PDB file of N, CA and C in Angstrom:
ATOM      1  N   MET A   1     -21.757  12.746 -25.240  1.00  0.00           N
ATOM      2  CA  MET A   1     -21.641  12.107 -23.945  1.00  0.00           C
ATOM      3  C   MET A   1     -22.549  10.888 -23.942  1.00  0.00           C
ATOM      4  N   ARG A   2     -22.043   9.783 -23.472  1.00  0.00           N
ATOM      5  CA  ARG A   2     -22.813   8.547 -23.449  1.00  0.00           C
ATOM      6  C   ARG A   2     -23.441   8.365 -22.074  1.00  0.00           C
ATOM      7  N   TYR A   3     -24.703   8.013 -22.064  1.00  0.00           N
ATOM      8  CA  TYR A   3     -25.407   7.773 -20.804  1.00  0.00           C
ATOM      9  C   TYR A   3     -25.628   6.279 -20.642  1.00  0.00           C
ATOM     10  N   PHE A   4     -25.433   5.803 -19.417  1.00  0.00           N
ATOM     11  CA  PHE A   4     -25.628   4.395 -19.119  1.00  0.00           C
ATOM     12  C   PHE A   4     -27.005   4.190 -18.524  1.00  0.00           C
ATOM     13  N   SER A   5     -27.585   3.048 -18.842  1.00  0.00           N
ATOM     14  CA  SER A   5     -28.869   2.720 -18.226  1.00  0.00           C
ATOM     15  C   SER A   5     -28.633   2.352 -16.765  1.00  0.00           C
ATOM     16  N   ALA A   6     -29.706   2.306 -15.989  1.00  0.00           N
ATOM     17  CA  ALA A   6     -29.589   1.942 -14.571  1.00  0.00           C
ATOM     18  C   ALA A   6     -28.994   0.549 -14.440  1.00  0.00           C
ATOM     19  N   PHE A   7     -29.373  -0.376 -15.319  1.00  0.00           N
ATOM     20  CA  PHE A   7     -28.830  -1.731 -15.260  1.00  0.00           C
ATOM     21  C   PHE A   7     -27.327  -1.719 -15.521  1.00  0.00           C
ATOM     22  N   GLN A   8     -26.897  -0.964 -16.541  1.00  0.00           N
ATOM     23  CA  GLN A   8     -25.470  -0.892 -16.854  1.00  0.00           C
ATOM     24  C   GLN A   8     -24.696  -0.251 -15.721  1.00  0.00           C
ATOM     25  N   THR A   9     -25.242   0.782 -15.120  1.00  0.00           N
ATOM     26  CA  THR A   9     -24.563   1.459 -14.021  1.00  0.00           C
ATOM     27  C   THR A   9     -24.414   0.516 -12.835  1.00  0.00           C
ATOM     28  N   ASN A  10     -25.472  -0.219 -12.502  1.00  0.00           N
ATOM     29  CA  ASN A  10     -25.398  -1.178 -11.400  1.00  0.00           C
ATOM     30  C   ASN A  10     -24.392  -2.276 -11.700  1.00  0.00           C
ATOM     31  N   SER A  11     -24.355  -2.739 -12.946  1.00  0.00           N
ATOM     32  CA  SER A  11     -23.394  -3.771 -13.332  1.00  0.00           C
ATOM     33  C   SER A  11     -21.975  -3.248 -13.220  1.00  0.00           C
ATOM     34  N   LEU A  12     -21.749  -2.017 -13.666  1.00  0.00           N
ATOM     35  CA  LEU A  12     -20.419  -1.425 -13.560  1.00  0.00           C
ATOM     36  C   LEU A  12     -20.003  -1.256 -12.107  1.00  0.00           C
ATOM     37  N   THR A  13     -20.936  -0.860 -11.258  1.00  0.00           N
ATOM     38  CA  THR A  13     -20.634  -0.690  -9.843  1.00  0.00           C
ATOM     39  C   THR A  13     -20.257  -2.024  -9.215  1.00  0.00           C
ATOM     40  N   ARG A  14     -21.033  -3.076  -9.511  1.00  0.00           N
ATOM     41  CA  ARG A  14     -20.722  -4.402  -8.969  1.00  0.00           C
ATOM     42  C   ARG A  14     -19.368  -4.887  -9.465  1.00  0.00           C
ATOM     43  N   LEU A  15     -19.076  -4.645 -10.720  1.00  0.00           N
ATOM     44  CA  LEU A  15     -17.793  -5.047 -11.289  1.00  0.00           C
ATOM     45  C   LEU A  15     -16.648  -4.307 -10.611  1.00  0.00           C
ATOM     46  N   LEU A  16     -16.832  -3.020 -10.354  1.00  0.00           N
ATOM     47  CA  LEU A  16     -15.812  -2.224  -9.695  1.00  0.00           C
ATOM     48  C   LEU A  16     -15.527  -2.759  -8.290  1.00  0.00           C
ATOM     49  N   PHE A  17     -16.569  -3.043  -7.521  1.00  0.00           N
ATOM     50  CA  PHE A  17     -16.369  -3.547  -6.170  1.00  0.00           C
ATOM     51  C   PHE A  17     -15.773  -4.949  -6.180  1.00  0.00           C
ATOM     52  N   ALA A  18     -16.123  -5.767  -7.164  1.00  0.00           N
ATOM     53  CA  ALA A  18     -15.525  -7.091  -7.280  1.00  0.00           C
ATOM     54  C   ALA A  18     -14.029  -6.968  -7.581  1.00  0.00           C
ATOM     55  N   ALA A  19     -13.678  -6.029  -8.453  1.00  0.00           N
ATOM     56  CA  ALA A  19     -12.267  -5.811  -8.772  1.00  0.00           C
ATOM     57  C   ALA A  19     -11.501  -5.326  -7.554  1.00  0.00           C
ATOM     58  N   LEU A  20     -12.145  -4.479  -6.745  1.00  0.00           N
ATOM     59  CA  LEU A  20     -11.500  -3.983  -5.524  1.00  0.00           C
ATOM     60  C   LEU A  20     -11.133  -5.120  -4.584  1.00  0.00           C
ATOM     61  N   ALA A  21     -11.989  -6.121  -4.500  1.00  0.00           N
ATOM     62  CA  ALA A  21     -11.763  -7.220  -3.573  1.00  0.00           C
ATOM     63  C   ALA A  21     -10.507  -8.009  -3.926  1.00  0.00           C
ATOM     64  N   PHE A  22     -10.154  -8.044  -5.214  1.00  0.00           N
ATOM     65  CA  PHE A  22      -9.006  -8.843  -5.647  1.00  0.00           C
ATOM     66  C   PHE A  22      -7.749  -8.016  -5.904  1.00  0.00           C
ATOM     67  N   MET A  23      -7.839  -6.711  -5.762  1.00  0.00           N
ATOM     68  CA  MET A  23      -6.665  -5.877  -5.979  1.00  0.00           C
ATOM     69  C   MET A  23      -5.728  -5.985  -4.797  1.00  0.00           C
ATOM     70  N   PRO A  24      -4.417  -6.036  -5.052  1.00  0.00           N
ATOM     71  CA  PRO A  24      -3.482  -6.047  -3.927  1.00  0.00           C
ATOM     72  C   PRO A  24      -3.577  -4.735  -3.179  1.00  0.00           C
ATOM     73  N   LYS A  25      -3.527  -4.816  -1.865  1.00  0.00           N
ATOM     74  CA  LYS A  25      -3.613  -3.621  -1.040  1.00  0.00           C
ATOM     75  C   LYS A  25      -2.256  -2.934  -0.998  1.00  0.00           C
ATOM     76  N   PRO A  26      -2.216  -1.626  -1.276  1.00  0.00           N
ATOM     77  CA  PRO A  26      -0.951  -0.909  -1.151  1.00  0.00           C
ATOM     78  C   PRO A  26      -0.606  -0.780   0.325  1.00  0.00           C
ATOM     79  N   PRO A  27       0.677  -0.652   0.630  1.00  0.00           N
ATOM     80  CA  PRO A  27       1.029  -0.480   2.039  1.00  0.00           C
ATOM     81  C   PRO A  27       0.370   0.782   2.572  1.00  0.00           C
ATOM     82  N   SER A  28      -0.263   0.654   3.731  1.00  0.00           N
ATOM     83  CA  SER A  28      -0.977   1.810   4.277  1.00  0.00           C
ATOM     84  C   SER A  28       0.019   2.802   4.864  1.00  0.00           C
ATOM     85  N   LYS A  29      -0.274   4.056   4.633  1.00  0.00           N
ATOM     86  CA  LYS A  29       0.557   5.111   5.189  1.00  0.00           C
ATOM     87  C   LYS A  29       0.133   5.348   6.624  1.00  0.00           C
ATOM     88  N   ALA A  30       1.076   5.728   7.434  1.00  0.00           N
ATOM     89  CA  ALA A  30       0.753   6.068   8.811  1.00  0.00           C
ATOM     90  C   ALA A  30       0.004   7.396   8.824  1.00  0.00           C
ATOM     91  N   ALA A  31      -0.750   7.602   9.886  1.00  0.00           N
ATOM     92  CA  ALA A  31      -1.469   8.869  10.026  1.00  0.00           C
ATOM     93  C   ALA A  31      -0.457  10.004  10.152  1.00  0.00           C
ATOM     94  N   PRO A  32      -0.753  11.131   9.549  1.00  0.00           N
ATOM     95  CA  PRO A  32       0.144  12.279   9.683  1.00  0.00           C
ATOM     96  C   PRO A  32       0.303  12.702  11.140  1.00  0.00           C
ATOM     97  N   ALA A  33       1.340  13.449  11.394  1.00  0.00           N
ATOM     98  CA  ALA A  33       1.695  13.827  12.757  1.00  0.00           C
ATOM     99  C   ALA A  33       0.686  14.779  13.398  1.00  0.00           C
ATOM    100  N   SER A  34      -0.096  15.483  12.601  1.00  0.00           N
ATOM    101  CA  SER A  34      -1.006  16.467  13.185  1.00  0.00           C
ATOM    102  C   SER A  34      -2.313  16.525  12.413  1.00  0.00           C
ATOM    103  N   PHE A  35      -3.293  17.143  13.038  1.00  0.00           N
ATOM    104  CA  PHE A  35      -4.588  17.371  12.390  1.00  0.00           C
ATOM    105  C   PHE A  35      -4.394  18.208  11.139  1.00  0.00           C
ATOM    106  N   GLU A  36      -3.578  19.236  11.243  1.00  0.00           N
ATOM    107  CA  GLU A  36      -3.354  20.134  10.112  1.00  0.00           C
ATOM    108  C   GLU A  36      -2.719  19.409   8.935  1.00  0.00           C
ATOM    109  N   ALA A  37      -1.772  18.506   9.222  1.00  0.00           N
ATOM    110  CA  ALA A  37      -1.132  17.735   8.155  1.00  0.00           C
ATOM    111  C   ALA A  37      -2.145  16.796   7.502  1.00  0.00           C
ATOM    112  N   SER A  38      -3.014  16.182   8.310  1.00  0.00           N
ATOM    113  CA  SER A  38      -4.062  15.311   7.773  1.00  0.00           C
ATOM    114  C   SER A  38      -4.996  16.092   6.862  1.00  0.00           C
ATOM    115  N   LEU A  39      -5.414  17.252   7.321  1.00  0.00           N
ATOM    116  CA  LEU A  39      -6.337  18.084   6.551  1.00  0.00           C
ATOM    117  C   LEU A  39      -5.693  18.543   5.242  1.00  0.00           C
ATOM    118  N   ALA A  40      -4.420  18.911   5.281  1.00  0.00           N
ATOM    119  CA  ALA A  40      -3.723  19.353   4.070  1.00  0.00           C
ATOM    120  C   ALA A  40      -3.623  18.211   3.057  1.00  0.00           C
ATOM    121  N   GLU A  41      -3.299  17.009   3.541  1.00  0.00           N
ATOM    122  CA  GLU A  41      -3.208  15.860   2.628  1.00  0.00           C
ATOM    123  C   GLU A  41      -4.584  15.522   2.064  1.00  0.00           C
ATOM    124  N   LEU A  42      -5.612  15.610   2.888  1.00  0.00           N
ATOM    125  CA  LEU A  42      -6.974  15.333   2.435  1.00  0.00           C
ATOM    126  C   LEU A  42      -7.395  16.338   1.365  1.00  0.00           C
ATOM    127  N   GLU A  43      -7.064  17.601   1.544  1.00  0.00           N
ATOM    128  CA  GLU A  43      -7.383  18.621   0.541  1.00  0.00           C
ATOM    129  C   GLU A  43      -6.677  18.338  -0.787  1.00  0.00           C
ATOM    130  N   THR A  44      -5.434  17.870  -0.711  1.00  0.00           N
ATOM    131  CA  THR A  44      -4.685  17.527  -1.919  1.00  0.00           C
ATOM    132  C   THR A  44      -5.343  16.361  -2.643  1.00  0.00           C
ATOM    133  N   ILE A  45      -5.757  15.357  -1.887  1.00  0.00           N
ATOM    134  CA  ILE A  45      -6.413  14.190  -2.483  1.00  0.00           C
ATOM    135  C   ILE A  45      -7.708  14.610  -3.169  1.00  0.00           C
ATOM    136  N   VAL A  46      -8.503  15.422  -2.500  1.00  0.00           N
ATOM    137  CA  VAL A  46      -9.771  15.876  -3.086  1.00  0.00           C
ATOM    138  C   VAL A  46      -9.511  16.661  -4.371  1.00  0.00           C
ATOM    139  N   ARG A  47      -8.543  17.549  -4.350  1.00  0.00           N
ATOM    140  CA  ARG A  47      -8.216  18.341  -5.534  1.00  0.00           C
ATOM    141  C   ARG A  47      -7.787  17.437  -6.697  1.00  0.00           C
ATOM    142  N   ASP A  48      -6.935  16.435  -6.406  1.00  0.00           N
ATOM    143  CA  ASP A  48      -6.474  15.518  -7.449  1.00  0.00           C
ATOM    144  C   ASP A  48      -7.628  14.690  -8.017  1.00  0.00           C
ATOM    145  N   MET A  49      -8.514  14.238  -7.142  1.00  0.00           N
ATOM    146  CA  MET A  49      -9.634  13.417  -7.600  1.00  0.00           C
ATOM    147  C   MET A  49     -10.633  14.249  -8.397  1.00  0.00           C
ATOM    148  N   GLU A  50     -10.861  15.484  -7.970  1.00  0.00           N
ATOM    149  CA  GLU A  50     -11.787  16.346  -8.700  1.00  0.00           C
ATOM    150  C   GLU A  50     -11.262  16.703 -10.082  1.00  0.00           C
ATOM    151  N   ALA A  51      -9.942  16.714 -10.244  1.00  0.00           N
ATOM    152  CA  ALA A  51      -9.353  17.005 -11.549  1.00  0.00           C
ATOM    153  C   ALA A  51      -9.670  15.892 -12.546  1.00  0.00           C
ATOM    154  N   GLY A  52      -9.953  14.682 -12.032  1.00  0.00           N
ATOM    155  CA  GLY A  52     -10.352  13.579 -12.896  1.00  0.00           C
ATOM    156  C   GLY A  52      -9.249  13.009 -13.761  1.00  0.00           C
ATOM    157  N   GLN A  53      -8.009  13.209 -13.402  1.00  0.00           N
ATOM    158  CA  GLN A  53      -6.903  12.751 -14.227  1.00  0.00           C
ATOM    159  C   GLN A  53      -6.220  11.494 -13.693  1.00  0.00           C
ATOM    160  N   LEU A  54      -6.703  10.948 -12.544  1.00  0.00           N
ATOM    161  CA  LEU A  54      -6.064   9.778 -11.951  1.00  0.00           C
ATOM    162  C   LEU A  54      -6.577   8.497 -12.613  1.00  0.00           C
ATOM    163  N   PRO A  55      -5.681   7.538 -12.856  1.00  0.00           N
ATOM    164  CA  PRO A  55      -6.142   6.230 -13.332  1.00  0.00           C
ATOM    165  C   PRO A  55      -6.988   5.553 -12.254  1.00  0.00           C
ATOM    166  N   LEU A  56      -7.721   4.530 -12.633  1.00  0.00           N
ATOM    167  CA  LEU A  56      -8.654   3.865 -11.730  1.00  0.00           C
ATOM    168  C   LEU A  56      -7.975   3.396 -10.445  1.00  0.00           C
ATOM    169  N   GLU A  57      -6.860   2.700 -10.550  1.00  0.00           N
ATOM    170  CA  GLU A  57      -6.195   2.167  -9.361  1.00  0.00           C
ATOM    171  C   GLU A  57      -5.772   3.290  -8.412  1.00  0.00           C
ATOM    172  N   GLU A  58      -5.242   4.367  -8.980  1.00  0.00           N
ATOM    173  CA  GLU A  58      -4.826   5.499  -8.159  1.00  0.00           C
ATOM    174  C   GLU A  58      -6.030   6.199  -7.524  1.00  0.00           C
ATOM    175  N   SER A  59      -7.129   6.276  -8.263  1.00  0.00           N
ATOM    176  CA  SER A  59      -8.340   6.878  -7.708  1.00  0.00           C
ATOM    177  C   SER A  59      -8.848   6.081  -6.510  1.00  0.00           C
ATOM    178  N   LEU A  60      -8.848   4.769  -6.645  1.00  0.00           N
ATOM    179  CA  LEU A  60      -9.307   3.915  -5.552  1.00  0.00           C
ATOM    180  C   LEU A  60      -8.385   4.031  -4.337  1.00  0.00           C
ATOM    181  N   ALA A  61      -7.087   4.034  -4.583  1.00  0.00           N
ATOM    182  CA  ALA A  61      -6.131   4.182  -3.479  1.00  0.00           C
ATOM    183  C   ALA A  61      -6.291   5.554  -2.817  1.00  0.00           C
ATOM    184  N   ALA A  62      -6.490   6.584  -3.631  1.00  0.00           N
ATOM    185  CA  ALA A  62      -6.679   7.929  -3.087  1.00  0.00           C
ATOM    186  C   ALA A  62      -7.956   8.002  -2.260  1.00  0.00           C
ATOM    187  N   TYR A  63      -9.014   7.351  -2.729  1.00  0.00           N
ATOM    188  CA  TYR A  63     -10.269   7.336  -1.984  1.00  0.00           C
ATOM    189  C   TYR A  63     -10.080   6.654  -0.629  1.00  0.00           C
ATOM    190  N   GLU A  64      -9.402   5.512  -0.619  1.00  0.00           N
ATOM    191  CA  GLU A  64      -9.148   4.807   0.641  1.00  0.00           C
ATOM    192  C   GLU A  64      -8.319   5.665   1.591  1.00  0.00           C
ATOM    193  N   ARG A  65      -7.283   6.301   1.067  1.00  0.00           N
ATOM    194  CA  ARG A  65      -6.434   7.161   1.903  1.00  0.00           C
ATOM    195  C   ARG A  65      -7.254   8.339   2.423  1.00  0.00           C
ATOM    196  N   GLY A  66      -8.079   8.912   1.576  1.00  0.00           N
ATOM    197  CA  GLY A  66      -8.924  10.027   2.002  1.00  0.00           C
ATOM    198  C   GLY A  66      -9.879   9.622   3.111  1.00  0.00           C
ATOM    199  N   ALA A  67     -10.450   8.429   3.000  1.00  0.00           N
ATOM    200  CA  ALA A  67     -11.356   7.941   4.045  1.00  0.00           C
ATOM    201  C   ALA A  67     -10.610   7.771   5.369  1.00  0.00           C
ATOM    202  N   ALA A  68      -9.385   7.250   5.305  1.00  0.00           N
ATOM    203  CA  ALA A  68      -8.581   7.087   6.522  1.00  0.00           C
ATOM    204  C   ALA A  68      -8.228   8.445   7.129  1.00  0.00           C
ATOM    205  N   LEU A  69      -7.880   9.396   6.280  1.00  0.00           N
ATOM    206  CA  LEU A  69      -7.551  10.743   6.772  1.00  0.00           C
ATOM    207  C   LEU A  69      -8.767  11.418   7.384  1.00  0.00           C
ATOM    208  N   LEU A  70      -9.925  11.247   6.748  1.00  0.00           N
ATOM    209  CA  LEU A  70     -11.153  11.829   7.277  1.00  0.00           C
ATOM    210  C   LEU A  70     -11.446  11.266   8.663  1.00  0.00           C
ATOM    211  N   LYS A  71     -11.292   9.969   8.818  1.00  0.00           N
ATOM    212  CA  LYS A  71     -11.514   9.337  10.121  1.00  0.00           C
ATOM    213  C   LYS A  71     -10.537   9.897  11.153  1.00  0.00           C
ATOM    214  N   HIS A  72      -9.286  10.054  10.758  1.00  0.00           N
ATOM    215  CA  HIS A  72      -8.278  10.606  11.663  1.00  0.00           C
ATOM    216  C   HIS A  72      -8.651  12.025  12.096  1.00  0.00           C
ATOM    217  N   CYS A  73      -9.098  12.846  11.146  1.00  0.00           N
ATOM    218  CA  CYS A  73      -9.490  14.227  11.458  1.00  0.00           C
ATOM    219  C   CYS A  73     -10.702  14.249  12.386  1.00  0.00           C
ATOM    220  N   GLN A  74     -11.688  13.395  12.122  1.00  0.00           N
ATOM    221  CA  GLN A  74     -12.872  13.345  12.975  1.00  0.00           C
ATOM    222  C   GLN A  74     -12.509  12.914  14.394  1.00  0.00           C
ATOM    223  N   GLU A  75     -11.600  11.951  14.523  1.00  0.00           N
ATOM    224  CA  GLU A  75     -11.169  11.512  15.848  1.00  0.00           C
ATOM    225  C   GLU A  75     -10.419  12.622  16.575  1.00  0.00           C
ATOM    226  N   ALA A  76      -9.568  13.351  15.854  1.00  0.00           N
ATOM    227  CA  ALA A  76      -8.824  14.451  16.460  1.00  0.00           C
ATOM    228  C   ALA A  76      -9.776  15.552  16.935  1.00  0.00           C
ATOM    229  N   LEU A  77     -10.784  15.860  16.128  1.00  0.00           N
ATOM    230  CA  LEU A  77     -11.758  16.870  16.529  1.00  0.00           C
ATOM    231  C   LEU A  77     -12.582  16.398  17.729  1.00  0.00           C
ATOM    232  N   GLY A  78     -12.939  15.127  17.748  1.00  0.00           N
ATOM    233  CA  GLY A  78     -13.671  14.570  18.880  1.00  0.00           C
ATOM    234  C   GLY A  78     -12.858  14.634  20.165  1.00  0.00           C
ATOM    235  N   ALA A  79     -11.570  14.329  20.058  1.00  0.00           N
ATOM    236  CA  ALA A  79     -10.693  14.396  21.232  1.00  0.00           C
ATOM    237  C   ALA A  79     -10.558  15.836  21.720  1.00  0.00           C
ATOM    238  N   ALA A  80     -10.446  16.774  20.793  1.00  0.00           N
ATOM    239  CA  ALA A  80     -10.344  18.189  21.177  1.00  0.00           C
ATOM    240  C   ALA A  80     -11.632  18.656  21.853  1.00  0.00           C
ATOM    241  N   GLU A  81     -12.770  18.233  21.335  1.00  0.00           N
ATOM    242  CA  GLU A  81     -14.050  18.601  21.939  1.00  0.00           C
ATOM    243  C   GLU A  81     -14.160  18.023  23.355  1.00  0.00           C
ATOM    244  N   GLN A  82     -13.696  16.801  23.530  1.00  0.00           N
ATOM    245  CA  GLN A  82     -13.734  16.179  24.854  1.00  0.00           C
ATOM    246  C   GLN A  82     -12.858  16.946  25.838  1.00  0.00           C
ATOM    247  N   LYS A  83     -11.694  17.377  25.395  1.00  0.00           N
ATOM    248  CA  LYS A  83     -10.813  18.177  26.263  1.00  0.00           C
ATOM    249  C   LYS A  83     -11.489  19.484  26.653  1.00  0.00           C
ATOM    250  N   LEU A  84     -12.183  20.112  25.687  1.00  0.00           N
ATOM    251  CA  LEU A  84     -12.884  21.358  25.994  1.00  0.00           C
ATOM    252  C   LEU A  84     -13.981  21.124  27.027  1.00  0.00           C
ATOM    253  N   LYS A  85     -14.689  20.013  26.897  1.00  0.00           N
ATOM    254  CA  LYS A  85     -15.737  19.703  27.869  1.00  0.00           C
ATOM    255  C   LYS A  85     -15.139  19.540  29.260  1.00  0.00           C
ATOM    256  N   ILE A  86     -13.999  18.891  29.346  1.00  0.00           N
ATOM    257  CA  ILE A  86     -13.339  18.702  30.637  1.00  0.00           C
ATOM    258  C   ILE A  86     -12.906  20.047  31.200  1.00  0.00           C
ATOM    259  N   LEU A  87     -12.342  20.900  30.347  1.00  0.00           N
ATOM    260  CA  LEU A  87     -11.889  22.214  30.798  1.00  0.00           C
ATOM    261  C   LEU A  87     -13.054  23.090  31.245  1.00  0.00           C
ATOM    262  N   GLU A  88     -14.220  22.874  30.678  1.00  0.00           N
ATOM    263  CA  GLU A  88     -15.399  23.679  31.010  1.00  0.00           C
ATOM    264  C   GLU A  88     -16.290  22.969  32.025  1.00  0.00           C
ATOM    265  N   ASN A  89     -15.730  22.039  32.801  1.00  0.00           N
ATOM    266  CA  ASN A  89     -16.458  21.295  33.820  1.00  0.00           C
ATOM    267  C   ASN A  89     -17.640  20.518  33.248  1.00  0.00           C
ATOM    268  N   GLY A  90     -17.429  19.872  32.116  1.00  0.00           N
ATOM    269  CA  GLY A  90     -18.443  19.003  31.548  1.00  0.00           C
ATOM    270  C   GLY A  90     -19.474  19.677  30.668  1.00  0.00           C
ATOM    271  N   ALA A  91     -19.442  20.984  30.553  1.00  0.00           N
ATOM    272  CA  ALA A  91     -20.424  21.686  29.723  1.00  0.00           C
ATOM    273  C   ALA A  91     -19.711  22.371  28.569  1.00  0.00           C
ATOM    274  N   LEU A  92     -20.168  22.113  27.366  1.00  0.00           N
ATOM    275  CA  LEU A  92     -19.600  22.753  26.191  1.00  0.00           C
ATOM    276  C   LEU A  92     -20.411  24.009  25.888  1.00  0.00           C
ATOM    277  N   HIS A  93     -19.732  25.147  25.815  1.00  0.00           N
ATOM    278  CA  HIS A  93     -20.400  26.431  25.597  1.00  0.00           C
ATOM    279  C   HIS A  93     -19.999  26.997  24.245  1.00  0.00           C
ATOM    280  N   ASP A  94     -20.867  27.834  23.681  1.00  0.00           N
ATOM    281  CA  ASP A  94     -20.512  28.559  22.472  1.00  0.00           C
ATOM    282  C   ASP A  94     -19.427  29.570  22.809  1.00  0.00           C
ATOM    283  N   PHE A  95     -18.498  29.771  21.891  1.00  0.00           N
ATOM    284  CA  PHE A  95     -17.428  30.725  22.095  1.00  0.00           C
ATOM    285  C   PHE A  95     -17.960  32.133  21.872  1.00  0.00           C
ATOM    286  N   ASP A  96     -17.730  32.998  22.843  1.00  0.00           N
ATOM    287  CA  ASP A  96     -18.135  34.399  22.752  1.00  0.00           C
ATOM    288  C   ASP A  96     -16.875  35.251  22.737  1.00  0.00           C
ATOM    289  N   PRO A  97     -16.465  35.785  21.579  1.00  0.00           N
ATOM    290  CA  PRO A  97     -15.221  36.549  21.497  1.00  0.00           C
ATOM    291  C   PRO A  97     -15.226  37.772  22.412  1.00  0.00           C
ATOM    292  N   ALA A  98     -16.372  38.408  22.585  1.00  0.00           N
ATOM    293  CA  ALA A  98     -16.444  39.598  23.451  1.00  0.00           C
ATOM    294  C   ALA A  98     -16.129  39.217  24.893  1.00  0.00           C
ATOM    295  N   ALA A  99     -16.693  38.113  25.358  1.00  0.00           N
ATOM    296  CA  ALA A  99     -16.448  37.669  26.734  1.00  0.00           C
ATOM    297  C   ALA A  99     -14.998  37.236  26.903  1.00  0.00           C
ATOM    298  N   ALA A 100     -14.424  36.627  25.883  1.00  0.00           N
ATOM    299  CA  ALA A 100     -13.037  36.166  25.974  1.00  0.00           C
ATOM    300  C   ALA A 100     -12.074  37.333  26.049  1.00  0.00           C
ATOM    301  N   SER A 101     -12.353  38.403  25.313  1.00  0.00           N
ATOM    302  CA  SER A 101     -11.446  39.553  25.337  1.00  0.00           C
ATOM    303  C   SER A 101     -11.623  40.395  26.606  1.00  0.00           C
ATOM    304  N   ALA A 102     -12.800  40.310  27.224  1.00  0.00           N
ATOM    305  CA  ALA A 102     -13.046  41.055  28.451  1.00  0.00           C
ATOM    306  C   ALA A 102     -12.557  40.332  29.698  1.00  0.00           C
ATOM    307  N   ALA A 103     -12.350  39.005  29.562  1.00  0.00           N
ATOM    308  CA  ALA A 103     -11.906  38.230  30.721  1.00  0.00           C
ATOM    309  C   ALA A 103     -10.466  38.573  31.058  1.00  0.00           C
ATOM    310  N   PRO A 104     -10.141  38.639  32.352  1.00  0.00           N
ATOM    311  CA  PRO A 104      -8.754  38.945  32.738  1.00  0.00           C
ATOM    312  C   PRO A 104      -7.848  37.776  32.361  1.00  0.00           C
ATOM    313  N   ALA A 105      -6.645  38.101  31.978  1.00  0.00           N
ATOM    314  CA  ALA A 105      -5.678  37.079  31.624  1.00  0.00           C
ATOM    315  C   ALA A 105      -5.259  36.315  32.864  1.00  0.00           C
ATOM    316  N   GLU A 106      -5.106  34.992  32.709  1.00  0.00           N
ATOM    317  CA  GLU A 106      -4.676  34.193  33.841  1.00  0.00           C
ATOM    318  C   GLU A 106      -3.165  34.331  33.992  1.00  0.00           C
ATOM    319  N   PRO A 107      -2.681  34.398  35.231  1.00  0.00           N
ATOM    320  CA  PRO A 107      -1.227  34.494  35.419  1.00  0.00           C
ATOM    321  C   PRO A 107      -0.564  33.179  35.031  1.00  0.00           C
ATOM    322  N   ASN A 108       0.670  33.272  34.555  1.00  0.00           N
ATOM    323  CA  ASN A 108       1.414  32.078  34.190  1.00  0.00           C
ATOM    324  C   ASN A 108       1.776  31.309  35.432  1.00  0.00           C
ATOM    325  N   ALA A 109       1.601  30.000  35.382  1.00  0.00           N
ATOM    326  CA  ALA A 109       1.916  29.170  36.551  1.00  0.00           C
ATOM    327  C   ALA A 109       3.328  28.692  36.503  1.00  0.00           C
TER     328      ALA A 109
END
């Protein structure tokens, strides 16, 4: 296994980012229809990248797509948390399964 010096690693990093600036941007994919679809695609990207078999261009595109999916998931979770705060009159509480199962069911409206 070959080890790079700190200078070589920094040079390689700068070269990589310079190459990124001049690479044509692939058409961006739209956000998936749901949080679950975003999470599933993100898991696939992580698995593919961890396998280490993607060429450089595909790795960079996968990283960009993963970053976009992560942002989408974080926004979806933030929106869900905000809805919970509204439903709980502005206060977010820890979920207590015992209290939830003991609470009477609300009638259907």
